[in-house]
C-alpha atoms as a PDB file:
ATOM      1  CA  MET A   1      -2.888  23.050  -0.572  1.00  0.00           C
ATOM      2  CA  HIS A   2      -2.850  20.819   2.199  1.00  0.00           C
ATOM      3  CA  GLN A   3      -1.517  17.511   0.604  1.00  0.00           C
ATOM      4  CA  ASP A   4       1.382  19.585  -0.465  1.00  0.00           C
ATOM      5  CA  ASN A   5       2.153  19.975   3.364  1.00  0.00           C
ATOM      6  CA  GLU A   6       1.924  16.335   3.941  1.00  0.00           C
ATOM      7  CA  PHE A   7       4.410  15.166   1.335  1.00  0.00           C
ATOM      8  CA  LYS A   8       6.593  17.748   3.022  1.00  0.00           C
ATOM      9  CA  ASP A   9       6.496  16.175   6.623  1.00  0.00           C
ATOM     10  CA  PRO A  10       9.207  13.296   7.075  1.00  0.00           C
ATOM     11  CA  PHE A  11       7.546  11.988   9.429  1.00  0.00           C
ATOM     12  CA  ASN A  12       4.181  11.493   8.259  1.00  0.00           C
ATOM     13  CA  MET A  13       2.349   8.675  10.115  1.00  0.00           C
ATOM     14  CA  LYS A  14       1.211   6.935   6.718  1.00  0.00           C
ATOM     15  CA  TYR A  15       5.168   6.551   6.127  1.00  0.00           C
ATOM     16  CA  LEU A  16       5.721   5.485   9.385  1.00  0.00           C
ATOM     17  CA  LEU A  17       2.581   2.804   9.691  1.00  0.00           C
ATOM     18  CA  GLY A  18       4.133   1.622   6.058  1.00  0.00           C
ATOM     19  CA  ALA A  19       7.758   1.244   7.152  1.00  0.00           C
ATOM     20  CA  LEU A  20       6.434  -0.631  10.060  1.00  0.00           C
ATOM     21  CA  VAL A  21       4.171  -3.118   8.253  1.00  0.00           C
ATOM     22  CA  VAL A  22       7.182  -3.887   5.916  1.00  0.00           C
ATOM     23  CA  LEU A  23       9.492  -4.120   8.733  1.00  0.00           C
ATOM     24  CA  LEU A  24       7.222  -6.695  10.191  1.00  0.00           C
ATOM     25  CA  ALA A  25       6.175  -8.571   7.065  1.00  0.00           C
ATOM     26  CA  LEU A  26       9.585  -9.077   5.671  1.00  0.00           C
ATOM     27  CA  PRO A  27      11.002 -11.843   8.269  1.00  0.00           C
ATOM     28  CA  LEU A  28       7.616 -13.444   8.035  1.00  0.00           C
ATOM     29  CA  LEU A  29       7.716 -13.749   4.170  1.00  0.00           C
ATOM     30  CA  HIS A  30       9.611 -17.358   4.101  1.00  0.00           C
ATOM     31  CA  VAL A  31       7.062 -18.287   7.129  1.00  0.00           C
ATOM     32  CA  ILE A  32       3.682 -17.531   5.122  1.00  0.00           C
ATOM     33  CA  LEU A  33       5.292 -18.967   1.692  1.00  0.00           C
ATOM     34  CA  ALA A  34       6.575 -22.176   3.396  1.00  0.00           C
ATOM     35  CA  TRP A  35       3.167 -22.683   5.010  1.00  0.00           C
ATOM     36  CA  GLY A  36       1.397 -22.017   1.446  1.00  0.00           C
ATOM     37  CA  VAL A  37       3.606 -24.675   0.100  1.00  0.00           C
ATOM     38  CA  TYR A  38       3.496 -26.881   2.627  1.00  0.00           C
ATOM     39  CA  TYR A  39      -0.622 -27.077   2.779  1.00  0.00           C
ATOM     40  CA  LEU A  40      -1.060 -26.822  -0.929  1.00  0.00           C
END
């Protein structure tokens, strides 16, 4: 019962944290990939 209420909440902390991680990671993907290619 409790889990059903979490999915109905549009401002769930899990979704907010996931969105922040994705937004922070996307601009850095090319930097991480370039670093890996350069040093490997």
